[in-house]
N, C-alpha and C. Protein backbone atom coordinates (compact mmCIF):
# COMPACT_ATOMS: atom_id res chain seq x y z
N MET A 1 10.55 23.39 7.55
CA MET A 1 9.63 22.44 6.61
C MET A 1 8.17 22.65 6.33
N ARG A 2 7.65 22.87 7.99
CA ARG A 2 6.36 22.76 8.11
C ARG A 2 5.54 23.96 7.25
N GLY A 3 6.22 25.12 7.64
CA GLY A 3 6.27 26.32 7.05
C GLY A 3 5.90 25.93 5.69
N PHE A 4 6.86 25.55 5.08
CA PHE A 4 7.20 25.36 3.54
C PHE A 4 6.11 24.66 3.18
N GLN A 5 5.50 23.40 3.80
CA GLN A 5 4.15 22.74 3.54
C GLN A 5 3.27 23.37 3.49
N LYS A 6 2.93 24.46 4.52
CA LYS A 6 1.71 25.23 4.41
C LYS A 6 1.93 26.20 3.53
N GLU A 7 2.63 26.76 2.97
CA GLU A 7 2.98 27.72 2.03
C GLU A 7 2.26 27.00 0.28
N VAL A 8 2.68 25.72 0.34
CA VAL A 8 2.61 25.05 -0.80
C VAL A 8 1.03 24.57 -0.64
N HIS A 9 0.38 24.32 0.73
CA HIS A 9 -0.94 23.75 0.55
C HIS A 9 -1.56 25.33 0.11
N GLN A 10 -1.59 26.12 1.10
CA GLN A 10 -2.09 27.51 0.54
C GLN A 10 -2.43 27.82 -0.75
N PHE A 11 -1.10 27.79 -1.40
CA PHE A 11 -0.90 27.95 -2.84
C PHE A 11 -2.17 26.92 -3.78
N ILE A 12 -1.67 26.00 -3.71
CA ILE A 12 -2.80 24.56 -4.30
C ILE A 12 -4.08 24.92 -4.21
N THR A 13 -4.44 25.10 -2.37
CA THR A 13 -5.72 25.47 -2.41
C THR A 13 -6.45 26.82 -3.37
N GLU A 14 -5.46 27.64 -3.69
CA GLU A 14 -6.18 28.84 -4.40
C GLU A 14 -6.12 28.69 -5.47
N THR A 15 -5.68 27.37 -6.53
CA THR A 15 -5.89 27.24 -8.04
C THR A 15 -7.18 26.43 -7.97
N GLU A 16 -7.59 26.34 -8.95
CA GLU A 16 -8.72 25.98 -9.57
C GLU A 16 -9.14 24.54 -9.14
N GLU A 17 -7.61 23.91 -10.22
CA GLU A 17 -7.81 22.40 -9.85
C GLU A 17 -7.38 21.78 -8.69
N GLY A 18 -6.65 22.43 -7.75
CA GLY A 18 -6.24 22.02 -6.14
C GLY A 18 -5.29 20.79 -6.60
N TYR A 19 -5.43 20.06 -5.54
CA TYR A 19 -4.42 18.71 -5.75
C TYR A 19 -4.85 18.23 -6.77
N TRP A 20 -3.84 17.34 -7.42
CA TRP A 20 -3.81 16.50 -8.52
C TRP A 20 -4.28 15.11 -8.05
N LYS A 21 -4.81 14.23 -8.64
CA LYS A 21 -4.82 12.81 -8.26
C LYS A 21 -3.48 12.37 -7.81
N PRO A 22 -3.10 11.26 -6.90
CA PRO A 22 -1.94 11.07 -6.46
C PRO A 22 -0.84 10.28 -7.28
N LEU A 23 -1.74 9.55 -8.59
CA LEU A 23 -0.71 9.12 -9.57
C LEU A 23 -0.09 10.44 -10.59
N ALA A 24 -1.27 11.05 -10.75
CA ALA A 24 -0.56 12.32 -11.56
C ALA A 24 0.48 13.21 -10.70
N MET A 25 0.47 13.33 -9.21
CA MET A 25 1.46 13.95 -8.64
C MET A 25 2.62 13.11 -8.32
N PHE A 26 2.51 12.21 -8.34
CA PHE A 26 3.90 11.17 -8.50
C PHE A 26 4.51 10.96 -9.56
N ALA A 27 3.86 11.29 -10.88
CA ALA A 27 4.23 11.48 -12.37
C ALA A 27 5.11 12.61 -12.49
N ALA A 28 4.76 13.89 -12.02
CA ALA A 28 5.26 14.97 -11.83
C ALA A 28 6.58 14.94 -11.05
N LEU A 29 6.42 14.43 -9.84
CA LEU A 29 7.50 14.17 -9.10
C LEU A 29 8.73 13.86 -9.71
N VAL A 30 8.21 12.44 -10.51
CA VAL A 30 9.09 11.62 -11.22
C VAL A 30 9.68 12.56 -12.37
N GLU A 31 9.01 13.25 -12.93
CA GLU A 31 9.35 13.96 -14.13
C GLU A 31 10.61 15.42 -13.28
N GLU A 32 10.22 15.80 -12.51
CA GLU A 32 11.17 16.65 -12.03
C GLU A 32 12.50 15.94 -11.45
N VAL A 33 12.26 14.87 -10.96
CA VAL A 33 13.88 13.92 -10.48
C VAL A 33 14.27 13.81 -11.79
N GLY A 34 13.95 13.38 -13.10
CA GLY A 34 14.10 13.51 -14.29
C GLY A 34 15.14 14.55 -14.80
N GLU A 35 14.36 16.03 -14.93
CA GLU A 35 15.00 17.12 -15.12
C GLU A 35 16.15 17.16 -14.23
N LEU A 36 16.19 17.17 -12.85
CA LEU A 36 17.06 17.39 -11.96
C LEU A 36 18.67 16.45 -12.57
N GLY A 37 18.11 15.05 -12.62
CA GLY A 37 18.98 14.32 -13.33
C GLY A 37 19.91 14.79 -14.56
N ARG A 38 19.25 15.54 -15.39
CA ARG A 38 19.94 15.77 -16.60
C ARG A 38 20.43 17.22 -16.31
N CYS A 39 20.31 18.28 -15.10
CA CYS A 39 20.83 19.24 -14.77
C CYS A 39 22.09 18.64 -14.23
N ILE A 40 21.94 17.87 -13.49
CA ILE A 40 23.28 16.94 -12.49
C ILE A 40 24.33 16.55 -13.77
N ASN A 41 23.59 15.93 -14.68
CA ASN A 41 24.65 15.37 -15.94
C ASN A 41 25.25 16.54 -16.57
N ALA A 42 24.69 17.74 -16.68
CA ALA A 42 25.52 18.61 -17.16
C ALA A 42 26.12 19.48 -16.33
N ALA A 43 25.92 19.66 -15.24
CA ALA A 43 27.17 20.15 -14.29
C ALA A 43 28.13 19.49 -14.08
N GLU A 44 28.09 18.26 -14.18
CA GLU A 44 29.24 17.38 -14.16
C GLU A 44 29.84 16.63 -15.54
N GLY A 45 29.41 17.22 -16.57
CA GLY A 45 30.10 17.30 -18.12
C GLY A 45 29.79 15.85 -18.63
N VAL A 46 28.68 15.46 -18.21
CA VAL A 46 28.00 13.89 -19.09
C VAL A 46 27.26 14.26 -19.85
N LYS A 47 27.45 13.23 -21.16
CA LYS A 47 26.25 13.27 -21.81
C LYS A 47 26.47 14.42 -23.01
N GLY A 48 27.39 14.83 -23.28
CA GLY A 48 27.63 15.81 -24.13
C GLY A 48 27.20 17.31 -23.79
N LEU A 49 26.66 17.56 -22.45
CA LEU A 49 25.87 18.84 -22.13
C LEU A 49 27.00 19.82 -21.52
N LYS A 50 28.34 19.45 -21.71
CA LYS A 50 29.19 20.33 -21.14
C LYS A 50 29.26 21.78 -21.49
N GLU A 51 29.14 21.99 -22.53
CA GLU A 51 29.15 23.00 -23.37
C GLU A 51 27.97 24.24 -22.72
N ARG A 52 27.13 23.88 -21.71
CA ARG A 52 26.60 24.86 -20.85
C ARG A 52 27.35 25.66 -19.71
N LYS A 53 27.01 26.96 -20.07
CA LYS A 53 27.31 27.42 -18.99
C LYS A 53 27.33 27.23 -17.43
N GLU A 54 28.60 27.02 -16.56
CA GLU A 54 28.56 26.80 -15.16
C GLU A 54 26.99 27.51 -14.80
N LYS A 55 27.15 28.72 -14.71
CA LYS A 55 26.23 29.69 -13.85
C LYS A 55 25.14 29.27 -14.38
N ASP A 56 24.30 29.08 -15.29
CA ASP A 56 23.30 28.55 -16.26
C ASP A 56 23.00 27.54 -15.36
N THR A 57 24.14 26.16 -15.60
CA THR A 57 23.82 24.73 -14.99
C THR A 57 23.44 25.14 -13.50
N ARG A 58 24.25 25.97 -12.81
CA ARG A 58 23.83 26.20 -11.45
C ARG A 58 22.64 26.79 -11.08
N GLU A 59 21.91 27.83 -11.90
CA GLU A 59 20.84 28.02 -11.50
C GLU A 59 19.83 27.26 -11.75
N GLU A 60 20.03 26.39 -12.99
CA GLU A 60 18.97 25.57 -13.54
C GLU A 60 18.99 24.17 -12.27
N LEU A 61 20.09 24.16 -11.63
CA LEU A 61 20.11 22.96 -10.52
C LEU A 61 19.08 23.25 -9.52
N LYS A 62 19.15 24.51 -9.06
CA LYS A 62 18.62 25.17 -7.81
C LYS A 62 16.98 25.17 -8.10
N GLU A 63 16.90 25.72 -9.20
CA GLU A 63 15.34 25.43 -9.76
C GLU A 63 14.89 24.24 -9.78
N GLU A 64 15.75 23.02 -10.09
CA GLU A 64 15.12 21.73 -10.44
C GLU A 64 14.99 21.00 -9.14
N LEU A 65 15.63 21.49 -7.66
CA LEU A 65 15.64 21.26 -6.63
C LEU A 65 14.34 21.47 -5.86
N GLY A 66 14.37 22.65 -6.14
CA GLY A 66 13.01 23.78 -5.54
C GLY A 66 11.56 22.74 -6.32
N ASP A 67 11.75 22.37 -7.80
CA ASP A 67 10.86 21.77 -8.14
C ASP A 67 10.66 20.51 -7.88
N VAL A 68 11.50 19.48 -7.41
CA VAL A 68 11.22 18.33 -6.47
C VAL A 68 10.84 18.36 -5.33
N LEU A 69 11.19 19.39 -4.63
CA LEU A 69 10.90 19.63 -3.31
C LEU A 69 9.22 20.13 -3.09
N PHE A 70 8.95 20.91 -4.12
CA PHE A 70 7.33 21.29 -4.41
C PHE A 70 6.62 19.95 -4.76
N ALA A 71 6.89 19.43 -5.57
CA ALA A 71 6.14 18.08 -6.10
C ALA A 71 5.99 17.44 -4.94
N LEU A 72 7.25 16.85 -4.10
CA LEU A 72 7.22 16.12 -3.11
C LEU A 72 6.14 16.58 -1.64
N ALA A 73 6.19 17.95 -1.70
CA ALA A 73 5.65 18.46 -0.50
C ALA A 73 4.13 18.80 -0.92
N CYS A 74 3.59 18.36 -2.33
CA CYS A 74 2.12 18.03 -2.59
C CYS A 74 1.74 16.87 -2.16
N ILE A 75 2.73 15.95 -2.54
CA ILE A 75 2.44 14.60 -2.09
C ILE A 75 2.22 14.14 -0.61
N ALA A 76 3.15 15.03 0.28
CA ALA A 76 2.96 14.95 1.59
C ALA A 76 1.46 15.54 2.20
N ASN A 77 1.29 16.60 1.24
CA ASN A 77 -0.01 17.36 1.96
C ASN A 77 -0.97 16.41 1.68
N TYR A 78 -1.28 15.72 0.47
CA TYR A 78 -2.31 15.33 -0.21
C TYR A 78 -2.60 13.89 0.96
N TYR A 79 -1.39 13.21 1.33
CA TYR A 79 -1.76 12.43 2.33
C TYR A 79 -1.44 12.68 3.94
N GLY A 80 -1.28 14.05 4.15
CA GLY A 80 -1.38 14.30 5.47
C GLY A 80 -0.10 14.07 6.23
N VAL A 81 1.14 14.07 5.58
CA VAL A 81 2.43 13.39 6.27
C VAL A 81 3.34 15.00 6.55
N ASP A 82 3.89 15.11 7.47
CA ASP A 82 4.41 15.86 8.22
C ASP A 82 6.20 15.44 7.86
N LEU A 83 6.67 16.04 6.67
CA LEU A 83 7.78 15.88 6.33
C LEU A 83 8.78 16.33 6.68
N GLU A 84 8.91 17.40 7.54
CA GLU A 84 9.90 17.59 8.88
C GLU A 84 10.11 16.58 9.88
N ARG A 85 9.01 15.94 10.16
CA ARG A 85 8.69 14.74 11.24
C ARG A 85 9.71 13.55 10.45
N GLU A 86 9.22 13.08 9.21
CA GLU A 86 9.73 12.18 8.36
C GLU A 86 11.29 12.34 8.14
N VAL A 87 11.54 13.43 8.20
CA VAL A 87 13.07 13.63 7.48
C VAL A 87 13.96 13.29 9.10
N LEU A 88 13.33 13.87 10.19
CA LEU A 88 14.16 13.55 11.18
C LEU A 88 14.23 12.40 11.56
N ARG A 89 12.92 11.53 11.27
CA ARG A 89 13.20 10.24 11.47
C ARG A 89 14.20 9.70 10.60
N SER A 90 14.21 10.13 9.17
CA SER A 90 15.14 9.03 8.63
C SER A 90 16.50 9.63 8.68
N ILE A 91 17.09 10.85 9.22
CA ILE A 91 18.25 11.00 9.93
C ILE A 91 18.78 10.26 10.99
N ASP A 92 17.78 9.73 11.92
CA ASP A 92 17.78 9.02 13.01
C ASP A 92 18.42 7.59 12.66
N LYS A 93 17.49 7.50 11.69
CA LYS A 93 17.78 5.85 10.76
C LYS A 93 19.17 6.07 10.74
N TYR A 94 19.15 6.82 9.74
CA TYR A 94 20.83 6.85 9.05
C TYR A 94 22.16 6.83 10.04
N ARG A 95 22.05 7.58 11.16
CA ARG A 95 22.78 7.66 12.40
C ARG A 95 23.04 6.14 12.89
N GLY A 96 22.19 5.49 12.81
CA GLY A 96 22.11 4.53 14.02
C GLY A 96 22.86 3.26 12.74
N ARG A 97 22.98 3.50 11.79
CA ARG A 97 23.56 2.65 10.45
C ARG A 97 25.24 2.88 10.62
N THR A 98 25.94 1.72 10.47
CA THR A 98 27.50 1.60 10.31
C THR A 98 27.82 1.46 9.00
N PHE A 99 28.55 2.71 8.62
CA PHE A 99 29.05 2.38 7.17
C PHE A 99 30.37 2.01 6.94
C-alpha cells in the first residue's frame, strides 16, 4: 500500500495542477464510488442494466475499484495519512468485534 501511495504521489506531483483542493478530491471520490455502485448494480442485474455483458461489467468493476483507490490515495497523501497503517488498524478493530 505504501508503494501505491508513493506512486500516486509521484504521478500527481508530475502533473501541472498537483493535488486538488480537499473538497474537490472528496467530490471526485464520491463520484467514483457512485460509478462503482452503478457497476455493481449492473453486475447484479439491478435497475435494468442486466443486458450488459458480464465480461464488460467485470472489467468495468475492476476499473472503478482502481479509480476509488486512486482517489482515496490522493486524499490520504494530501493529509499525510499512511493508508496501510490505518487499514491494519481497522482490521484489528473489526477483529475485536463480535458478530
